[in-house]
Amino acid sequence: MKKTHLIVFLIPLVFSCAERVPERPNILFIMTDDHAYQALSAYDNRLIETPNIDRLATEGMLFKKAFVSNSICSPSRAVALTGKFSHLNSVRDNLDVFDSTQITFPRLLQQNGYQTAVYGKWHLKSSPQGFDDWAVLPGQGHYYDPEFRTKEGIIKEDGYVTELVTDNVIDFLENKRDKDKPFMVMYNHKAPHRQWWPTMEDLDAINGDSLPLPYNLFDDYQSRGTAAQTAEMRISDHMGLSSDNKIRPELVDKLGFEEFLGWYKSSFTNRYNRLSDEQKQAWDSKFGPINEDFEKNTPQGKALTIWKYRRYMEDYLGTIVSVDREVGRVLDYLDANGLADNTIVVYTSDQGFYLGEHGWFDKRFMYEESFRTPLLMRYPKMITPGTISTKLVQNIDFAPTFLALAQINIPAEIQGQSIVPLLNQSTEEWRDALYYHYYEYPGIHQVKRHYGIRTDRFKLIRFYYDVEEWELYDLEADPNEMYNLYGDPDYENIRNELTQRLEELRTQYGDSDELNQQFIESDIARLKERGWL
């Protein structure tokens, strides 16, 4: 009788414990490079359809106000790994080397029973740490027949980078993972990074002539100051006919065009020479007629800007077509192998990108198109399908969110917030403002150093170092940020409130003018050492 009673009491205890300690989720963290939210049909379908990525919004949550803290590749990746702003995580610009000894969410997951892996773009100079397996692109990597850095050394793979990175992810899920452990995989695509070389099957996927022109493609920047006017990222003047628009260098010379940067022509030639003979034949079949038409009907002035924009969009969006298809492969694998229900899938980009808005390509500015980033999450156990969040979230929030989901204590040094309360809709309380800081100046594209604050409605930016300029935008009245209201007396109270709140954020996150001066001095010394100044 006593044994019978003991069993009766123990069984409820076991089930009670199981209910208190839910199964920890797998994590699939997908990050593309320079994927503008405008080029994802879950946000806007005027440019492209992305049905596979859109599944994450239909089956999960779409974030309409997701942002980065420093809109440039390496810093954004360091922020995602550490949950700390650039001034504290060792990477403020693309020249910095990531300090791999610091706390990162992959390292903590690995130490707490997760099997971890990273495949694709890394772009942090130091080797990945905290991962059981990795195969990452050296630097920016190549679209065709790319090299990968692995624990065993450099290997070269035949094929298209988007497909190869996906192959590595599926190989890990199928053959390398310990099925008794939860996993965390970082699935990092090179695409759609410049210079936008689509796979052969997608060369004709996008018809640029059918796309609408951006409303402010010919922005004259008159409402803003020096920073917008002097940035070197205008499609009209700074985009390469050869490197970016695929006009052969010899034709560029023949027609008397002068490329903005000397390496544009060699960049095209080096990439073209990576193609196999069969690939070159397919490439020439697509771009030969484009070159012939450009020679015959050479556009000039605004017509040339429109031509360059449409060519840019065909290739940029063409690389996203393959990303969408490959993401679909991985989602299908999760479904087919019973992994979807207990896997949180996150899709984001390292930042946004200009698709002709303000006449620009590239990123860097705190204006919406580059500051804002796509963010979609699916986790059937927690997220109600078709949910939309309008809360202000930022890439500093990834690390604490993954740690919270894995039931790991969040280190005090992490500056982001877990967004789990937004995923399960257990709170309405959330941050009321975001902080941003960009540092890479002098540098490519010449976007001046600046920091600022964004609330639900307003944005205040300070440009500094070799200028002292402020900009204020009312995002409700002026969503395209065409009119700087900093000197408008009607906005004096708003300006004063934002200025005070900005200083509070800088104090909260440990940023200061004194620290910035130290960074300026070290950055300028580094540029002089390299002979770049």
Protein backbone atom coordinates (compact mmCIF):
# COMPACT_ATOMS: atom_id res chain seq x y z
CA MET A 1 0.00 0.00 0.00
CA LYS A 2 2.76 2.42 0.86
CA LYS A 3 4.46 1.86 -2.51
CA THR A 4 1.18 2.43 -4.30
CA HIS A 5 0.64 5.71 -2.48
CA LEU A 6 4.21 6.82 -3.26
CA ILE A 7 3.65 6.32 -6.98
CA VAL A 8 0.36 8.17 -6.85
CA PHE A 9 2.03 11.19 -5.27
CA LEU A 10 5.09 11.18 -7.53
CA ILE A 11 3.27 11.13 -10.86
CA PRO A 12 1.53 14.51 -10.33
CA LEU A 13 4.85 15.93 -9.13
CA VAL A 14 6.61 14.90 -12.35
CA PHE A 15 3.91 16.45 -14.54
CA SER A 16 3.92 19.58 -12.40
CA CYS A 17 7.65 20.03 -12.91
CA ALA A 18 7.28 19.48 -16.65
CA GLU A 19 4.68 22.23 -16.84
CA ARG A 20 6.92 24.67 -14.95
CA VAL A 21 9.93 24.04 -17.23
CA PRO A 22 8.71 24.23 -20.85
CA GLU A 23 10.83 22.87 -23.67
CA ARG A 24 13.40 25.40 -24.84
CA PRO A 25 12.90 26.48 -28.45
CA ASN A 26 15.27 26.02 -31.34
CA ILE A 27 16.37 29.33 -32.88
CA LEU A 28 16.82 30.04 -36.59
CA PHE A 29 18.13 33.58 -36.98
CA ILE A 30 18.07 34.69 -40.63
CA MET A 31 19.93 37.90 -41.49
CA THR A 32 20.26 39.26 -44.99
CA ASP A 33 22.56 42.13 -45.97
CA ASP A 34 21.03 45.47 -46.98
CA HIS A 35 17.51 44.09 -47.45
CA ALA A 36 15.24 47.13 -47.48
CA TYR A 37 11.83 46.67 -45.92
CA GLN A 38 10.41 48.27 -49.10
CA ALA A 39 11.67 45.17 -50.97
CA LEU A 40 9.67 42.67 -48.95
CA SER A 41 6.06 42.22 -49.99
CA ALA A 42 4.85 41.67 -46.43
CA TYR A 43 5.59 45.41 -46.07
CA ASP A 44 5.14 46.69 -49.62
CA ASN A 45 4.39 44.71 -52.78
CA ARG A 46 5.01 47.42 -55.35
CA LEU A 47 8.54 46.23 -56.15
CA ILE A 48 8.65 42.48 -55.53
CA GLU A 49 6.72 39.48 -54.24
CA THR A 50 8.44 37.45 -51.49
CA PRO A 51 5.92 34.71 -50.69
CA ASN A 52 8.23 32.48 -48.65
CA ILE A 53 9.52 35.18 -46.34
CA ASP A 54 5.98 36.55 -46.08
CA ARG A 55 4.95 33.22 -44.53
CA LEU A 56 6.69 34.36 -41.35
CA ALA A 57 4.32 37.33 -41.16
CA THR A 58 1.23 35.29 -42.03
CA GLU A 59 2.16 32.57 -39.54
CA GLY A 60 3.76 34.86 -36.97
CA MET A 61 4.45 38.54 -36.22
CA LEU A 62 5.41 41.47 -38.46
CA PHE A 63 7.22 44.38 -36.80
CA LYS A 64 6.45 47.71 -38.46
CA LYS A 65 8.84 49.74 -36.31
CA ALA A 66 12.03 47.70 -36.15
CA PHE A 67 15.29 49.66 -36.34
CA VAL A 68 19.06 49.35 -36.09
CA SER A 69 21.42 51.32 -33.89
CA ASN A 70 24.15 52.00 -36.48
CA SER A 71 23.26 51.43 -40.13
CA ILE A 72 26.35 49.71 -41.49
CA CYS A 73 27.24 46.04 -41.90
CA SER A 74 29.90 45.08 -39.33
CA PRO A 75 28.61 47.26 -36.48
CA SER A 76 25.07 46.00 -36.92
CA ARG A 77 26.24 42.38 -36.67
CA ALA A 78 28.24 43.14 -33.54
CA VAL A 79 25.17 44.75 -31.98
CA ALA A 80 23.04 41.69 -32.76
CA LEU A 81 25.58 39.34 -31.18
CA THR A 82 26.18 41.37 -28.01
CA GLY A 83 23.01 43.36 -27.36
CA LYS A 84 25.24 46.41 -26.81
CA PHE A 85 25.62 49.68 -28.72
CA SER A 86 28.63 50.21 -30.98
CA HIS A 87 30.59 52.34 -28.55
CA LEU A 88 30.69 49.41 -26.10
CA ASN A 89 30.98 46.32 -28.33
CA SER A 90 34.30 47.13 -30.11
CA VAL A 91 32.84 47.65 -33.62
CA ARG A 92 31.79 51.16 -34.64
CA ASP A 93 32.66 50.94 -38.34
CA ASN A 94 33.68 48.43 -40.98
CA LEU A 95 37.40 48.79 -40.17
CA ASP A 96 37.09 47.61 -36.56
CA VAL A 97 37.87 44.04 -35.47
CA PHE A 98 35.25 42.35 -33.30
CA ASP A 99 36.44 41.49 -29.81
CA SER A 100 35.46 37.82 -29.73
CA THR A 101 36.29 37.44 -26.02
CA GLN A 102 33.21 39.40 -24.93
CA ILE A 103 29.85 37.95 -24.00
CA THR A 104 27.63 37.06 -26.96
CA PHE A 105 24.30 35.28 -27.09
CA PRO A 106 25.72 32.32 -29.13
CA ARG A 107 28.43 31.76 -26.51
CA LEU A 108 25.88 31.80 -23.68
CA LEU A 109 23.54 29.48 -25.56
CA GLN A 110 26.39 27.08 -26.24
CA GLN A 111 27.42 27.12 -22.57
CA ASN A 112 23.84 26.31 -21.60
CA GLY A 113 23.19 23.25 -23.70
CA TYR A 114 22.47 24.61 -27.18
CA GLN A 115 24.23 23.39 -30.30
CA THR A 116 25.21 26.48 -32.27
CA ALA A 117 26.27 27.19 -35.85
CA VAL A 118 26.73 30.14 -38.21
CA TYR A 119 26.78 30.03 -42.01
CA GLY A 120 27.19 32.79 -44.58
CA LYS A 121 28.25 36.37 -44.06
CA TRP A 122 30.20 37.11 -40.85
CA HIS A 123 32.12 40.33 -41.71
CA LEU A 124 33.65 40.85 -38.28
CA LYS A 125 37.32 40.08 -39.10
CA SER A 126 37.91 37.89 -36.04
CA SER A 127 36.91 34.21 -36.18
CA PRO A 128 33.50 33.12 -34.88
CA GLN A 129 33.49 32.04 -31.23
CA GLY A 130 30.71 30.26 -29.38
CA PHE A 131 29.77 28.11 -32.36
CA ASP A 132 30.01 24.34 -32.74
CA ASP A 133 30.16 24.63 -36.51
CA TRP A 134 30.72 27.46 -38.93
CA ALA A 135 31.42 28.26 -42.58
CA VAL A 136 31.58 32.00 -43.18
CA LEU A 137 32.47 34.23 -46.11
CA PRO A 138 35.81 36.06 -45.95
CA GLY A 139 34.98 39.77 -45.83
CA GLN A 140 32.06 40.54 -48.12
CA GLY A 141 32.39 37.25 -49.97
CA HIS A 142 31.45 36.52 -53.58
CA TYR A 143 28.16 35.71 -55.26
CA TYR A 144 29.64 33.08 -57.58
CA ASP A 145 31.93 30.19 -56.55
CA PRO A 146 32.62 31.75 -53.13
CA GLU A 147 35.28 30.85 -50.61
CA PHE A 148 34.28 29.99 -47.04
CA ARG A 149 36.31 30.16 -43.85
CA THR A 150 35.84 27.06 -41.71
CA LYS A 151 37.53 25.55 -38.66
CA GLU A 152 39.55 23.43 -41.09
CA GLY A 153 40.64 26.42 -43.22
CA ILE A 154 39.53 28.10 -46.44
CA ILE A 155 37.43 26.06 -48.86
CA LYS A 156 36.04 27.09 -52.24
CA GLU A 157 32.58 25.94 -53.30
CA ASP A 158 31.18 25.79 -56.81
CA GLY A 159 27.80 27.43 -57.10
CA TYR A 160 25.78 30.47 -56.11
CA VAL A 161 26.31 31.85 -52.63
CA THR A 162 22.65 32.07 -51.58
CA GLU A 163 22.11 28.42 -52.43
CA LEU A 164 25.39 27.27 -50.87
CA VAL A 165 24.69 28.98 -47.54
CA THR A 166 21.28 27.33 -47.50
CA ASP A 167 22.88 23.96 -48.27
CA ASN A 168 25.10 24.39 -45.21
CA VAL A 169 22.12 25.19 -42.99
CA ILE A 170 20.14 22.17 -44.17
CA ASP A 171 23.20 19.93 -43.87
CA PHE A 172 23.58 21.02 -40.25
CA LEU A 173 19.93 20.35 -39.50
CA GLU A 174 19.97 17.00 -41.29
CA ASN A 175 23.41 15.57 -40.50
CA LYS A 176 25.41 17.56 -37.96
CA ARG A 177 23.11 18.49 -35.11
CA ASP A 178 22.65 16.53 -31.92
CA LYS A 179 18.91 15.81 -31.95
CA ASP A 180 18.90 15.64 -28.15
CA LYS A 181 19.88 19.32 -27.91
CA PRO A 182 18.11 22.50 -28.94
CA PHE A 183 19.90 24.34 -31.75
CA MET A 184 20.65 27.94 -32.68
CA VAL A 185 21.63 28.58 -36.28
CA MET A 186 22.62 31.96 -37.70
CA TYR A 187 21.68 31.83 -41.40
CA ASN A 188 23.41 34.90 -42.87
CA HIS A 189 22.98 35.78 -46.54
CA LYS A 190 25.34 37.94 -48.56
CA ALA A 191 22.46 39.09 -50.74
CA PRO A 192 21.28 41.66 -51.55
CA HIS A 193 24.62 43.41 -50.92
CA ARG A 194 26.27 45.48 -53.61
CA GLN A 195 27.16 44.78 -56.48
CA TRP A 196 23.97 42.73 -56.84
CA TRP A 197 24.78 39.71 -59.04
CA PRO A 198 21.66 37.53 -59.33
CA THR A 199 21.83 33.80 -59.97
CA MET A 200 21.56 32.85 -63.65
CA GLU A 201 17.98 31.63 -63.32
CA ASP A 202 16.91 35.01 -61.90
CA LEU A 203 18.59 37.33 -64.42
CA ASP A 204 15.19 38.08 -65.98
CA ALA A 205 13.13 37.82 -62.78
CA ILE A 206 12.56 41.58 -62.48
CA ASN A 207 11.46 44.03 -65.17
CA GLY A 208 12.78 47.41 -64.10
CA ASP A 209 10.62 49.26 -66.64
CA SER A 210 7.49 48.19 -64.76
CA LEU A 211 8.58 49.62 -61.42
CA PRO A 212 7.37 52.95 -60.07
CA LEU A 213 9.92 55.70 -59.61
CA PRO A 214 10.56 56.90 -56.05
CA TYR A 215 8.67 60.07 -55.30
CA ASN A 216 11.88 61.89 -54.29
CA LEU A 217 14.34 60.33 -56.76
CA PHE A 218 15.39 63.87 -57.71
CA ASP A 219 15.54 65.28 -54.20
CA ASP A 220 17.53 68.54 -54.13
CA TYR A 221 18.21 68.34 -50.34
CA GLN A 222 17.45 72.05 -49.96
CA SER A 223 15.51 71.62 -46.72
CA ARG A 224 18.47 69.86 -45.12
CA GLY A 225 22.05 70.82 -44.45
CA THR A 226 25.52 69.81 -45.52
CA ALA A 227 25.24 66.16 -44.53
CA ALA A 228 22.58 65.18 -47.05
CA GLN A 229 23.96 67.46 -49.75
CA THR A 230 27.53 66.13 -49.65
CA ALA A 231 26.93 62.40 -49.15
CA GLU A 232 28.41 60.38 -52.01
CA MET A 233 25.65 57.86 -52.65
CA ARG A 234 23.53 59.44 -55.35
CA ILE A 235 22.45 57.09 -58.10
CA SER A 236 23.01 59.89 -60.60
CA ASP A 237 26.63 60.67 -59.71
CA HIS A 238 28.11 57.94 -57.54
CA MET A 239 26.71 54.62 -58.76
CA GLY A 240 29.05 52.76 -61.11
CA LEU A 241 27.94 52.10 -64.67
CA SER A 242 30.33 49.14 -64.79
CA SER A 243 30.42 47.71 -61.27
CA ASP A 244 26.76 48.36 -60.43
CA ASN A 245 24.86 48.61 -63.74
CA LYS A 246 26.85 45.92 -65.64
CA ILE A 247 27.99 48.10 -68.55
CA ARG A 248 31.31 46.71 -69.78
CA PRO A 249 34.31 48.87 -68.79
CA GLU A 250 35.48 49.24 -72.39
CA LEU A 251 32.08 50.63 -73.37
CA VAL A 252 32.12 53.03 -70.43
CA ASP A 253 35.45 54.34 -71.75
CA LYS A 254 34.29 54.40 -75.37
CA LEU A 255 31.25 56.52 -74.52
CA GLY A 256 33.34 58.96 -72.50
CA PHE A 257 31.84 58.29 -69.08
CA GLU A 258 34.07 58.71 -66.06
CA GLU A 259 33.38 56.37 -63.15
CA PHE A 260 33.16 58.03 -59.74
CA LEU A 261 35.68 55.63 -58.18
CA GLY A 262 38.63 54.08 -59.98
CA TRP A 263 37.98 50.55 -58.74
CA TYR A 264 34.51 50.29 -60.28
CA LYS A 265 35.72 48.88 -63.61
CA SER A 266 38.12 46.35 -62.09
CA SER A 267 35.39 45.30 -59.67
CA PHE A 268 33.16 44.32 -62.57
CA THR A 269 35.98 42.54 -64.41
CA ASN A 270 37.07 40.55 -61.36
CA ARG A 271 33.53 39.34 -60.70
CA TYR A 272 32.88 38.50 -64.33
CA ASN A 273 36.07 36.46 -64.48
CA ARG A 274 34.82 34.26 -61.63
CA LEU A 275 32.08 32.94 -63.90
CA SER A 276 32.44 29.64 -65.71
CA ASP A 277 32.29 29.60 -69.51
CA GLU A 278 28.70 28.40 -69.34
CA GLN A 279 27.78 31.13 -66.86
CA LYS A 280 29.49 33.78 -69.01
CA GLN A 281 27.39 32.66 -71.95
CA ALA A 282 24.19 33.08 -69.94
CA TRP A 283 25.41 36.39 -68.53
CA ASP A 284 26.28 37.74 -71.97
CA SER A 285 22.90 36.65 -73.32
CA LYS A 286 21.26 38.86 -70.70
CA PHE A 287 23.61 41.83 -70.56
CA GLY A 288 24.91 41.89 -74.14
CA PRO A 289 21.68 43.41 -75.50
CA ILE A 290 21.55 45.84 -72.56
CA ASN A 291 25.05 47.05 -73.42
CA GLU A 292 24.18 47.31 -77.13
CA ASP A 293 21.06 49.34 -76.39
CA PHE A 294 22.98 51.59 -73.98
CA GLU A 295 25.54 52.30 -76.70
CA LYS A 296 22.88 52.98 -79.31
CA ASN A 297 20.53 55.06 -77.15
CA THR A 298 22.87 56.51 -74.55
CA PRO A 299 20.71 58.29 -71.95
CA GLN A 300 21.82 61.60 -70.47
CA GLY A 301 20.80 63.79 -67.51
CA LYS A 302 17.68 62.74 -65.66
CA ALA A 303 17.04 60.02 -68.24
CA LEU A 304 20.38 58.44 -67.27
CA THR A 305 19.47 58.56 -63.57
CA ILE A 306 16.17 56.80 -64.31
CA TRP A 307 17.97 54.23 -66.46
CA LYS A 308 20.52 53.55 -63.69
CA TYR A 309 17.75 53.26 -61.11
CA ARG A 310 15.84 50.68 -63.15
CA ARG A 311 19.01 48.66 -63.86
CA TYR A 312 19.89 48.82 -60.15
CA MET A 313 16.45 47.54 -59.18
CA GLU A 314 16.55 44.62 -61.63
CA ASP A 315 19.75 43.27 -60.10
CA TYR A 316 19.11 44.21 -56.46
CA LEU A 317 15.64 42.67 -56.47
CA GLY A 318 16.88 39.73 -58.54
CA THR A 319 19.20 38.68 -55.72
CA ILE A 320 16.24 38.82 -53.30
CA VAL A 321 14.24 36.44 -55.49
CA SER A 322 16.82 33.74 -54.75
CA VAL A 323 16.89 34.62 -51.04
CA ASP A 324 13.14 34.17 -50.85
CA ARG A 325 13.31 30.83 -52.65
CA GLU A 326 16.09 29.55 -50.37
CA VAL A 327 14.37 30.68 -47.19
CA GLY A 328 11.39 28.69 -48.45
CA ARG A 329 13.61 25.60 -48.72
CA VAL A 330 14.58 25.89 -45.05
CA LEU A 331 11.03 26.56 -43.88
CA ASP A 332 9.86 23.53 -45.83
CA TYR A 333 12.58 21.46 -44.16
CA LEU A 334 11.43 22.54 -40.71
CA ASP A 335 7.85 21.62 -41.61
CA ALA A 336 8.74 18.24 -43.10
CA ASN A 337 10.87 17.23 -40.14
CA GLY A 338 8.57 18.24 -37.31
CA LEU A 339 10.74 21.18 -36.22
CA ALA A 340 8.49 24.13 -37.05
CA ASP A 341 6.37 24.08 -33.90
CA ASN A 342 9.29 24.44 -31.48
CA THR A 343 11.53 26.69 -33.58
CA ILE A 344 11.46 30.47 -33.45
CA VAL A 345 12.34 31.75 -36.90
CA VAL A 346 13.53 35.35 -37.12
CA TYR A 347 14.01 37.17 -40.43
CA THR A 348 15.79 40.52 -40.47
CA SER A 349 18.53 42.48 -42.21
CA ASP A 350 21.66 44.14 -40.87
CA GLN A 351 20.00 47.43 -41.83
CA GLY A 352 17.70 49.02 -44.36
CA PHE A 353 18.73 50.42 -47.74
CA TYR A 354 17.87 53.24 -50.12
CA LEU A 355 16.06 52.12 -53.24
CA GLY A 356 16.22 55.48 -54.94
CA GLU A 357 14.60 57.45 -52.11
CA HIS A 358 16.30 60.86 -51.87
CA GLY A 359 18.10 59.82 -55.06
CA TRP A 360 20.28 57.41 -53.09
CA PHE A 361 21.54 53.89 -52.83
CA ASP A 362 23.39 52.47 -49.77
CA LYS A 363 22.48 53.16 -46.10
CA ARG A 364 24.24 54.89 -43.09
CA PHE A 365 21.86 57.80 -42.44
CA MET A 366 19.33 57.89 -39.62
CA TYR A 367 16.59 58.60 -42.17
CA GLU A 368 13.90 55.94 -42.21
CA GLU A 369 14.92 53.87 -45.24
CA SER A 370 18.29 52.88 -43.76
CA PHE A 371 17.50 53.20 -40.04
CA ARG A 372 14.50 50.91 -40.29
CA THR A 373 14.90 47.21 -41.02
CA PRO A 374 12.54 44.33 -41.81
CA LEU A 375 11.71 42.06 -38.87
CA LEU A 376 9.40 39.04 -38.95
CA MET A 377 9.16 36.29 -36.32
CA ARG A 378 7.33 32.97 -36.23
CA TYR A 379 7.02 30.82 -33.10
CA PRO A 380 3.76 28.83 -33.08
CA LYS A 381 3.96 28.11 -29.36
CA MET A 382 3.90 31.80 -28.48
CA ILE A 383 2.99 34.07 -31.40
CA THR A 384 -0.55 34.41 -32.71
CA PRO A 385 -0.50 34.13 -36.54
CA GLY A 386 -0.95 37.36 -38.45
CA THR A 387 0.03 39.62 -35.54
CA ILE A 388 1.41 43.10 -36.24
CA SER A 389 3.53 45.01 -33.75
CA THR A 390 4.02 48.78 -33.90
CA LYS A 391 6.31 48.95 -30.84
CA LEU A 392 9.77 50.47 -31.18
CA VAL A 393 12.22 47.56 -31.29
CA GLN A 394 15.91 47.60 -32.17
CA ASN A 395 18.71 45.18 -33.02
CA ILE A 396 20.08 45.49 -29.47
CA ASP A 397 17.00 43.44 -28.52
CA PHE A 398 17.94 40.23 -30.35
CA ALA A 399 20.45 38.92 -27.80
CA PRO A 400 18.26 39.35 -24.70
CA THR A 401 15.25 37.92 -26.55
CA PHE A 402 17.06 34.73 -27.50
CA LEU A 403 18.47 34.34 -24.00
CA ALA A 404 15.04 34.85 -22.43
CA LEU A 405 13.50 32.24 -24.73
CA ALA A 406 16.29 29.82 -23.78
CA GLN A 407 15.66 30.50 -20.07
CA ILE A 408 19.15 31.94 -19.57
CA ASN A 409 19.79 34.91 -17.28
CA ILE A 410 20.46 38.09 -19.25
CA PRO A 411 23.82 39.66 -18.30
CA ALA A 412 23.63 43.15 -16.86
CA GLU A 413 25.91 44.55 -19.58
CA ILE A 414 23.34 43.83 -22.31
CA GLN A 415 21.56 47.07 -23.18
CA GLY A 416 18.64 45.72 -25.17
CA GLN A 417 15.30 44.42 -23.92
CA SER A 418 13.76 41.01 -24.41
CA ILE A 419 10.79 41.35 -26.72
CA VAL A 420 9.17 38.15 -25.41
CA PRO A 421 6.44 40.27 -23.72
CA LEU A 422 5.59 41.62 -27.19
CA LEU A 423 5.59 38.16 -28.74
CA ASN A 424 3.15 36.73 -26.24
CA GLN A 425 1.30 40.06 -25.92
CA SER A 426 1.66 40.08 -22.15
CA THR A 427 2.42 43.80 -21.85
CA GLU A 428 1.53 47.17 -23.34
CA GLU A 429 4.40 48.93 -21.61
CA TRP A 430 7.45 49.45 -23.78
CA ARG A 431 10.20 51.94 -24.58
CA ASP A 432 9.17 55.33 -25.90
CA ALA A 433 12.32 56.22 -27.84
CA LEU A 434 15.30 54.80 -29.74
CA TYR A 435 18.93 55.92 -29.85
CA TYR A 436 21.13 55.86 -32.97
CA HIS A 437 24.80 56.65 -33.61
CA TYR A 438 26.79 56.45 -36.87
CA TYR A 439 30.60 56.85 -36.87
CA GLU A 440 32.25 55.97 -40.21
CA TYR A 441 33.41 59.39 -41.40
CA PRO A 442 35.64 60.22 -43.22
CA GLY A 443 34.91 57.10 -45.22
CA ILE A 444 33.26 55.66 -48.28
CA HIS A 445 30.05 57.52 -49.20
CA GLN A 446 31.10 60.40 -46.91
CA VAL A 447 28.08 60.29 -44.61
CA LYS A 448 28.88 62.52 -41.69
CA ARG A 449 28.97 61.34 -38.08
CA HIS A 450 25.66 61.75 -36.35
CA TYR A 451 23.49 60.55 -33.53
CA GLY A 452 19.85 61.03 -32.70
CA ILE A 453 16.56 59.99 -31.16
CA ARG A 454 13.38 58.61 -32.68
CA THR A 455 10.02 58.42 -30.93
CA ASP A 456 6.77 57.15 -32.41
CA ARG A 457 6.24 60.46 -34.18
CA PHE A 458 9.41 62.59 -34.13
CA LYS A 459 13.08 62.33 -34.99
CA LEU A 460 15.93 64.59 -33.89
CA ILE A 461 19.43 64.23 -35.43
CA ARG A 462 22.70 65.95 -34.60
CA PHE A 463 25.50 65.90 -37.23
CA TYR A 464 28.92 66.64 -35.76
CA TYR A 465 32.72 66.54 -36.19
CA ASP A 466 33.36 68.84 -39.17
CA VAL A 467 29.84 70.33 -39.08
CA GLU A 468 27.39 71.29 -36.37
CA GLU A 469 23.91 70.76 -37.77
CA TRP A 470 20.59 69.60 -36.34
CA GLU A 471 17.55 68.17 -38.10
CA LEU A 472 14.04 67.60 -36.78
CA TYR A 473 11.29 65.66 -38.55
CA ASP A 474 7.61 65.17 -37.87
CA LEU A 475 7.16 61.64 -39.23
CA GLU A 476 3.40 61.84 -39.11
CA ALA A 477 3.17 64.98 -41.23
CA ASP A 478 6.30 64.28 -43.30
CA PRO A 479 6.98 60.51 -43.52
CA ASN A 480 9.47 61.00 -46.37
CA GLU A 481 11.59 63.37 -44.24
CA MET A 482 11.72 66.16 -46.77
CA TYR A 483 11.36 69.14 -44.41
CA ASN A 484 13.75 69.90 -41.60
CA LEU A 485 11.76 71.60 -38.83
CA TYR A 486 14.60 72.28 -36.44
CA GLY A 487 14.30 76.06 -36.76
CA ASP A 488 10.50 76.14 -36.95
CA PRO A 489 9.09 78.10 -33.95
CA ASP A 490 5.95 75.95 -33.98
CA TYR A 491 8.10 72.98 -32.99
CA GLU A 492 10.18 74.71 -30.31
CA ASN A 493 8.65 72.77 -27.42
CA ILE A 494 9.03 69.46 -29.26
CA ARG A 495 12.65 70.31 -30.07
CA ASN A 496 13.45 71.09 -26.45
CA GLU A 497 11.74 67.94 -25.18
CA LEU A 498 13.57 65.74 -27.70
CA THR A 499 16.91 67.36 -26.93
CA GLN A 500 16.48 66.60 -23.24
CA ARG A 501 15.29 63.06 -23.92
CA LEU A 502 18.24 62.50 -26.26
CA GLU A 503 20.69 63.40 -23.52
CA GLU A 504 18.89 61.05 -21.15
CA LEU A 505 19.30 58.21 -23.63
CA ARG A 506 22.98 58.99 -24.11
CA THR A 507 23.47 58.85 -20.36
CA GLN A 508 21.44 55.65 -20.10
CA TYR A 509 23.53 53.92 -22.78
CA GLY A 510 26.89 55.32 -21.69
CA ASP A 511 27.63 57.53 -24.70
CA SER A 512 29.15 61.02 -24.42
CA ASP A 513 30.92 63.81 -26.30
CA GLU A 514 34.14 62.99 -24.45
CA LEU A 515 34.01 59.40 -25.65
CA ASN A 516 33.25 60.55 -29.19
CA GLN A 517 36.29 62.82 -29.19
CA GLN A 518 38.48 59.86 -28.25
CA PHE A 519 36.98 57.86 -31.10
CA ILE A 520 37.54 60.70 -33.57
CA GLU A 521 41.19 61.02 -32.62
CA SER A 522 41.86 57.29 -32.90
CA ASP A 523 39.90 56.97 -36.16
CA ILE A 524 41.74 59.86 -37.82
CA ALA A 525 45.10 58.46 -36.68
CA ARG A 526 44.17 55.08 -38.19
CA LEU A 527 43.19 56.64 -41.51
CA LYS A 528 46.46 58.59 -41.65
CA GLU A 529 48.47 55.43 -40.92
CA ARG A 530 46.81 53.76 -43.90
CA GLY A 531 47.47 56.75 -46.12
CA TRP A 532 43.78 57.44 -46.61
CA LEU A 533 43.97 61.01 -45.26
